[in-house]
Protein backbone atom coordinates (compact mmCIF):
# COMPACT_ATOMS: atom_id res chain seq x y z
CA MET A 1 7.43 -2.24 -22.45
CA SER A 2 4.19 -3.30 -20.79
CA ASN A 3 2.48 -6.56 -21.70
CA THR A 4 -0.89 -4.98 -21.01
CA PRO A 5 -3.06 -5.37 -24.13
CA SER A 6 -4.43 -2.23 -25.75
CA PRO A 7 -8.18 -2.21 -26.35
CA VAL A 8 -9.41 -2.18 -29.92
CA VAL A 9 -11.81 0.60 -28.96
CA SER A 10 -11.12 3.04 -26.13
CA PRO A 11 -13.19 2.37 -22.99
CA LEU A 12 -14.06 6.07 -23.07
CA ALA A 13 -15.81 6.02 -26.45
CA ALA A 14 -19.18 4.66 -25.30
CA LEU A 15 -19.02 6.66 -22.06
CA ARG A 16 -18.57 9.98 -23.83
CA ALA A 17 -21.58 9.23 -25.97
CA ARG A 18 -23.91 9.03 -22.97
CA VAL A 19 -22.33 10.99 -20.09
CA PRO A 20 -21.73 14.76 -20.22
CA GLN A 21 -18.08 15.68 -19.87
CA ARG A 22 -18.81 19.03 -18.26
CA PRO A 23 -20.17 19.29 -14.71
CA VAL A 24 -23.76 20.39 -14.31
CA GLN A 25 -23.73 24.02 -13.21
CA ALA A 26 -24.30 24.13 -9.48
CA GLY A 27 -26.29 27.27 -8.74
CA LEU A 28 -28.62 27.57 -5.77
CA PHE A 29 -31.54 25.71 -7.37
CA ASN A 30 -29.49 22.72 -8.53
CA THR A 31 -27.64 22.57 -5.21
CA LEU A 32 -30.89 22.54 -3.22
CA LYS A 33 -32.37 19.96 -5.58
CA LEU A 34 -29.34 17.71 -5.12
CA MET A 35 -29.41 18.08 -1.34
CA TRP A 36 -33.12 17.21 -1.27
CA LYS A 37 -32.39 14.05 -3.22
CA VAL A 38 -29.50 13.14 -0.92
CA PHE A 39 -31.61 13.40 2.24
CA PHE A 40 -35.09 12.39 1.06
CA ALA A 41 -35.00 10.58 -2.28
CA LYS A 42 -31.95 8.34 -2.35
CA PRO A 43 -32.59 4.85 -3.75
CA ARG A 44 -32.45 2.07 -1.17
CA THR A 45 -30.08 0.18 -3.44
CA THR A 46 -27.21 2.57 -2.65
CA ARG A 47 -26.69 0.47 0.51
CA PRO A 48 -26.48 -3.33 0.77
CA SER A 49 -29.40 -5.07 2.43
CA GLY A 50 -27.21 -8.01 3.43
CA ARG A 51 -23.89 -8.31 5.21
CA ILE A 52 -20.63 -7.49 3.43
CA PRO A 53 -18.20 -10.42 3.84
CA VAL A 54 -15.09 -9.40 5.79
CA HIS A 55 -11.96 -11.45 6.46
CA THR A 56 -10.86 -10.62 10.00
CA LEU A 57 -7.16 -9.80 10.38
CA THR A 58 -4.82 -10.15 13.35
CA ALA A 59 -1.47 -8.55 14.08
CA ALA A 60 0.12 -12.01 14.13
CA ALA A 61 -1.17 -12.78 10.63
CA LEU A 62 0.08 -9.44 9.33
CA LEU A 63 3.53 -9.88 10.86
CA ALA A 64 3.78 -13.35 9.33
CA ALA A 65 2.71 -12.17 5.86
CA PRO A 66 5.34 -11.82 3.12
CA ASP A 67 6.51 -8.46 1.84
CA HIS A 68 4.58 -6.97 -1.09
CA THR A 69 1.21 -7.93 0.33
CA VAL A 70 -1.74 -5.54 0.29
CA TYR A 71 -5.02 -5.71 2.22
CA ARG A 72 -8.13 -3.70 1.50
CA LEU A 73 -9.63 -2.49 4.81
CA GLY A 74 -12.51 -0.54 3.26
CA HIS A 75 -13.21 2.37 0.90
CA SER A 76 -9.75 3.81 0.09
CA THR A 77 -8.03 2.46 3.21
CA LEU A 78 -5.42 -0.14 2.29
CA LEU A 79 -2.58 -1.71 4.26
CA LEU A 80 0.64 -2.49 2.38
CA LYS A 81 3.58 -4.47 3.69
CA LEU A 82 6.86 -3.28 2.17
CA ARG A 83 10.36 -4.18 3.39
CA GLY A 84 8.94 -5.45 6.65
CA GLY A 85 7.08 -2.21 7.37
CA PHE A 86 3.38 -1.45 7.18
CA TRP A 87 1.93 1.47 5.22
CA LEU A 88 -1.67 2.63 5.51
CA THR A 89 -3.47 4.74 2.89
CA ASP A 90 -6.25 7.24 3.67
CA PRO A 91 -7.19 5.70 7.04
CA VAL A 92 -10.87 5.94 7.97
CA PHE A 93 -11.85 3.58 10.80
CA SER A 94 -14.78 5.56 12.21
CA LYS A 95 -18.39 4.45 11.79
CA ARG A 96 -19.20 7.45 9.60
CA ALA A 97 -17.31 9.47 7.00
CA SER A 98 -18.54 12.70 8.51
CA PRO A 99 -17.54 15.55 10.82
CA ILE A 100 -20.13 14.17 13.26
CA GLN A 101 -20.71 10.56 14.25
CA TRP A 102 -24.50 10.76 14.64
CA ALA A 103 -25.14 11.65 10.99
CA GLY A 104 -23.54 11.24 7.60
CA PRO A 105 -22.47 8.25 5.48
CA LYS A 106 -22.35 5.16 7.68
CA ARG A 107 -20.07 2.16 7.12
CA PHE A 108 -21.49 -0.95 5.47
CA HIS A 109 -19.04 -3.14 7.40
CA ALA A 110 -16.58 -3.03 10.28
CA PRO A 111 -12.87 -2.70 9.46
CA PRO A 112 -11.11 -6.09 9.19
CA ILE A 113 -8.83 -5.01 12.05
CA ALA A 114 -9.10 -2.28 14.69
CA ILE A 115 -6.44 0.40 15.00
CA LYS A 116 -5.47 -0.87 18.45
CA ASP A 117 -4.73 -4.30 16.98
CA LEU A 118 -2.56 -3.06 14.10
CA PRO A 119 1.18 -3.62 14.40
CA PRO A 120 3.33 -0.46 14.51
CA LEU A 121 3.14 1.43 11.22
CA ARG A 122 6.10 2.66 9.25
CA GLY A 123 3.87 5.24 7.65
CA VAL A 124 0.51 6.67 6.62
CA ILE A 125 -0.07 8.00 3.09
CA LEU A 126 -2.78 10.63 2.60
CA SER A 127 -4.27 11.73 -0.72
CA HIS A 128 -6.39 14.70 0.45
CA ASP A 129 -8.46 16.01 3.34
CA HIS A 130 -12.07 15.00 2.61
CA TYR A 131 -13.82 13.19 5.44
CA ASP A 132 -13.95 9.83 3.68
CA HIS A 133 -10.13 9.94 3.32
CA LEU A 134 -8.90 11.88 6.36
CA ASP A 135 -10.58 10.99 9.64
CA TYR A 136 -9.68 12.94 12.76
CA ALA A 137 -10.37 10.11 15.23
CA SER A 138 -8.32 7.65 13.16
CA ILE A 139 -5.35 10.04 12.94
CA GLN A 140 -5.46 10.62 16.69
CA ALA A 141 -5.35 6.87 17.35
CA LEU A 142 -2.70 6.19 14.70
CA ALA A 143 -0.27 9.00 15.56
CA PRO A 144 1.44 7.26 18.51
CA LYS A 145 2.10 4.08 16.50
CA THR A 146 3.10 5.69 13.17
CA ASP A 147 6.63 6.80 12.24
CA VAL A 148 5.88 9.10 9.30
CA PHE A 149 2.90 10.75 7.60
CA LEU A 150 3.25 11.51 3.88
CA THR A 151 0.84 14.19 2.65
CA PRO A 152 0.22 16.70 -0.14
CA ARG A 153 1.00 20.32 0.71
CA GLY A 154 -1.30 21.76 3.36
CA VAL A 155 -2.73 18.46 4.54
CA GLY A 156 0.24 17.96 6.82
CA ASP A 157 -0.51 21.31 8.46
CA ARG A 158 -3.89 19.91 9.49
CA LEU A 159 -2.18 16.93 11.12
CA ILE A 160 0.22 19.15 13.00
CA ALA A 161 -2.69 21.32 14.19
CA TRP A 162 -4.33 18.10 15.44
CA GLY A 163 -1.28 17.29 17.54
CA VAL A 164 0.77 15.03 15.26
CA PRO A 165 4.46 15.85 15.92
CA ALA A 166 5.81 18.00 13.08
CA GLU A 167 8.91 15.82 12.76
CA LYS A 168 6.67 12.93 11.70
CA VAL A 169 5.05 14.87 8.84
CA ARG A 170 6.44 15.16 5.30
CA GLN A 171 4.51 17.44 2.93
CA LEU A 172 5.26 17.26 -0.76
CA ASN A 173 4.25 18.89 -4.04
CA TRP A 174 3.33 16.88 -7.12
CA TRP A 175 6.40 15.04 -8.55
CA GLU A 176 8.47 15.78 -5.43
CA GLU A 177 10.05 12.52 -4.26
CA THR A 178 10.85 11.30 -0.77
CA GLU A 179 12.42 8.05 0.40
CA VAL A 180 11.81 5.86 3.44
CA ASP A 181 13.72 2.60 3.97
CA GLY A 182 14.83 2.69 0.34
CA ILE A 183 11.22 2.96 -0.92
CA ARG A 184 10.42 5.99 -3.10
CA PHE A 185 7.14 7.82 -2.62
CA VAL A 186 5.98 10.40 -5.15
CA PRO A 187 2.75 12.42 -5.09
CA GLY A 188 1.37 12.55 -8.61
CA PRO A 189 -1.16 14.85 -10.27
CA ALA A 190 -4.87 14.35 -9.64
CA LYS A 191 -8.03 16.18 -10.68
CA HIS A 192 -10.10 16.80 -7.58
CA PHE A 193 -10.69 19.42 -4.85
CA SER A 194 -10.26 19.76 -1.10
CA GLY A 195 -11.77 21.22 2.05
CA ARG A 196 -13.56 20.19 5.22
CA THR A 197 -15.87 23.17 5.78
CA LEU A 198 -17.76 25.70 3.68
CA ARG A 199 -14.94 28.20 4.23
CA ASP A 200 -11.73 26.29 3.47
CA GLY A 201 -12.27 25.04 -0.07
CA ASN A 202 -9.09 24.16 -2.01
CA ARG A 203 -6.71 25.53 0.60
CA THR A 204 -4.87 22.20 0.66
CA GLN A 205 -3.52 20.10 -2.19
CA TRP A 206 -4.70 16.67 -3.34
CA ALA A 207 -2.64 13.96 -5.02
CA SER A 208 -2.30 10.44 -6.25
CA TRP A 209 0.72 8.43 -5.04
CA ILE A 210 3.43 6.48 -6.82
CA ILE A 211 5.23 3.86 -4.72
CA VAL A 212 8.50 2.40 -6.05
CA ASP A 213 10.10 -0.47 -4.12
CA GLY A 214 12.94 -1.71 -6.29
CA ASP A 215 11.35 -3.34 -9.32
CA THR A 216 7.88 -3.29 -7.71
CA ARG A 217 5.62 -0.35 -8.53
CA VAL A 218 2.22 0.49 -7.06
CA PHE A 219 -0.11 3.36 -7.94
CA PHE A 220 -2.69 4.73 -5.47
CA SER A 221 -5.20 7.03 -7.14
CA GLY A 222 -6.76 8.81 -4.18
CA ASP A 223 -9.77 10.70 -5.59
CA THR A 224 -9.61 12.09 -9.09
CA GLY A 225 -11.39 12.76 -12.33
CA TYR A 226 -9.87 11.40 -15.52
CA SER A 227 -7.03 13.52 -16.92
CA ALA A 228 -3.85 13.47 -18.98
CA GLY A 229 -1.97 13.11 -15.70
CA PHE A 230 -2.35 9.34 -15.82
CA ARG A 231 -0.45 9.10 -19.09
CA GLN A 232 2.26 11.40 -17.70
CA ILE A 233 2.66 9.18 -14.64
CA GLY A 234 2.71 6.06 -16.81
CA GLU A 235 5.43 7.52 -19.02
CA ARG A 236 7.58 8.58 -16.07
CA TYR A 237 7.08 5.69 -13.65
CA GLY A 238 5.22 2.86 -15.38
CA PRO A 239 4.58 0.07 -15.87
CA PHE A 240 2.84 -0.58 -12.53
CA ASP A 241 2.43 -4.03 -11.04
CA LEU A 242 -0.80 -2.96 -9.33
CA THR A 243 -3.03 0.11 -9.59
CA LEU A 244 -5.27 0.88 -6.62
CA MET A 245 -7.83 2.73 -8.67
CA GLU A 246 -10.83 4.85 -7.66
CA THR A 247 -13.98 3.16 -9.01
CA GLY A 248 -17.07 4.35 -7.17
CA ALA A 249 -19.07 7.35 -5.90
CA TYR A 250 -19.35 8.65 -9.45
CA ASP A 251 -22.22 10.54 -11.07
CA ALA A 252 -22.91 12.36 -14.33
CA ARG A 253 -23.30 15.55 -12.28
CA TRP A 254 -19.68 15.54 -11.14
CA PRO A 255 -17.60 14.07 -14.01
CA GLY A 256 -14.62 16.32 -13.33
CA VAL A 257 -13.76 15.01 -9.84
CA HIS A 258 -14.62 11.29 -9.88
CA MET A 259 -14.22 8.72 -12.63
CA GLN A 260 -16.83 6.52 -14.22
CA PRO A 261 -15.63 2.87 -14.46
CA GLU A 262 -14.72 3.34 -18.13
CA GLU A 263 -12.45 6.20 -17.14
CA SER A 264 -10.92 4.19 -14.30
CA LEU A 265 -10.08 1.45 -16.79
CA GLN A 266 -8.60 3.93 -19.25
CA ALA A 267 -6.53 5.48 -16.44
CA HIS A 268 -5.17 2.02 -15.63
CA LEU A 269 -4.22 1.55 -19.29
CA ASP A 270 -2.59 5.00 -19.40
CA LEU A 271 -0.51 4.02 -16.37
CA ARG A 272 0.53 0.80 -18.11
CA GLY A 273 -0.84 -1.17 -15.21
CA LYS A 274 -0.68 -4.96 -15.08
CA TRP A 275 -3.41 -5.59 -12.46
CA MET A 276 -6.11 -3.24 -11.22
CA LEU A 277 -7.70 -3.28 -7.76
CA PRO A 278 -10.84 -1.07 -7.71
CA ILE A 279 -11.24 1.00 -4.53
CA HIS A 280 -13.47 3.85 -3.24
CA ASN A 281 -16.46 1.50 -3.14
CA GLY A 282 -18.13 -1.10 -0.94
CA THR A 283 -17.94 0.81 2.37
CA PHE A 284 -19.79 4.16 2.28
CA ASP A 285 -22.92 5.41 0.53
CA LEU A 286 -21.59 8.45 -1.35
CA ALA A 287 -23.54 8.52 -4.62
CA PHE A 288 -26.81 7.46 -6.25
CA HIS A 289 -25.73 4.31 -8.08
CA ASP A 290 -26.38 0.82 -6.70
CA TRP A 291 -23.73 -0.02 -4.11
CA HIS A 292 -22.47 -3.00 -6.15
CA GLU A 293 -22.57 -1.27 -9.56
CA PRO A 294 -18.87 -0.24 -9.56
CA TYR A 295 -17.86 -3.90 -9.19
CA ASP A 296 -20.29 -5.09 -11.86
CA ARG A 297 -19.14 -2.51 -14.37
CA ILE A 298 -15.39 -2.64 -13.82
CA VAL A 299 -15.23 -6.44 -13.90
CA ALA A 300 -17.25 -6.52 -17.14
CA LEU A 301 -15.06 -3.82 -18.66
CA GLY A 302 -11.92 -5.66 -17.61
CA LYS A 303 -13.07 -8.80 -19.40
CA GLN A 304 -14.07 -6.80 -22.47
CA HIS A 305 -10.71 -5.01 -22.76
CA GLY A 306 -8.35 -7.70 -21.50
CA VAL A 307 -7.51 -5.98 -18.21
CA GLN A 308 -6.77 -8.12 -15.15
CA VAL A 309 -8.96 -6.97 -12.23
CA THR A 310 -8.62 -8.27 -8.68
CA THR A 311 -11.63 -7.99 -6.36
CA PRO A 312 -10.55 -9.24 -2.91
CA ARG A 313 -12.91 -9.34 0.02
CA MET A 314 -12.27 -6.75 2.70
CA GLY A 315 -9.28 -8.04 4.66
CA GLU A 316 -8.23 -10.59 2.04
CA ALA A 317 -4.50 -10.69 1.22
CA VAL A 318 -3.38 -9.81 -2.31
CA ALA A 319 0.17 -10.38 -3.56
CA ILE A 320 1.27 -7.19 -5.30
CA GLY A 321 3.49 -9.01 -7.77
CA LYS A 322 1.08 -11.86 -8.44
CA PRO A 323 -2.53 -10.91 -7.60
CA HIS A 324 -5.44 -13.31 -7.93
CA ALA A 325 -8.74 -12.39 -9.55
CA GLY A 326 -10.78 -12.89 -6.37
CA GLU A 327 -14.42 -13.87 -6.15
CA ALA A 328 -17.51 -11.91 -7.10
CA TRP A 329 -18.29 -11.68 -3.39
CA TRP A 330 -20.78 -8.84 -3.84
CA VAL A 331 -23.13 -11.03 -5.87
CA GLY A 332 -25.82 -12.38 -3.58
CA VAL A 333 -25.14 -10.04 -0.64
CA ASP A 334 -28.57 -8.47 -1.04
CA ALA A 335 -30.26 -11.82 -1.69
CA VAL A 336 -29.17 -13.12 1.73
CA ALA A 337 -31.35 -10.49 3.41
CA ALA A 338 -34.24 -10.87 0.96
């Protein structure tokens, strides 16, 4: 049984009272209105005015680190060390999460380590094919130094079309397990969508990922709306030592594909998580909320509901089995530039 305390009141109760649970109907007018706001009326506070603190990493430091260490490199890109091997999630090292590098969401900070400086990778884990999770230039640079790519169905076909050797690619359906070096990897259900152009929507699958290394269990959410899938995963594979949980780029206009912080917290509870590390924030400008709002809200919610939240700086080491709370590093970032 998990020692995670249950909240007296569900984190979702207040959220459902103020946020619609059905997406706003798109339609041509609403789509054009949203696009106008994206390009011409976005608040300045969606990007930091100061510098994001980053802890620079070296290959030597990574090789010397103990097993069961995780590093946040930005957005949903994390580096895990398991059984002496390195695993990278949703690698995006480019300056922009975009099909073109002269326009689109630009990074707030440089990665803590460049791809060329990474030690050889045992594997890359991909959740889906959106540009802020699957970056062509990063895959091209990583392919020669990566042993295996784990993907949902269809995403692996993209990698093979990009020149990644087919023998390196493993494509799996939800709940289908694979094993590497005695570590079990399982794609779990998620509530999202896929596609990289206007013509290829939902032709590939999306997934969360369950990682089981002996008695150590890690959950990686990828992108997802809140769903009953979290409870199913928690019942089948929980409790989790650490949940790497999407908390950012949310909006009342798209409640079905991204979670508000209250939903992220509830998902963590459904999974029977012990510690939560909020991801999908702090690197790209992908919504209309203040850039630091996901941190403010999830930390406050964690305190309110007795959930342990770790907020490491980019590049800061976190022990999977014994995380530390981290500092509120985002507080004062904007004041430095004021």
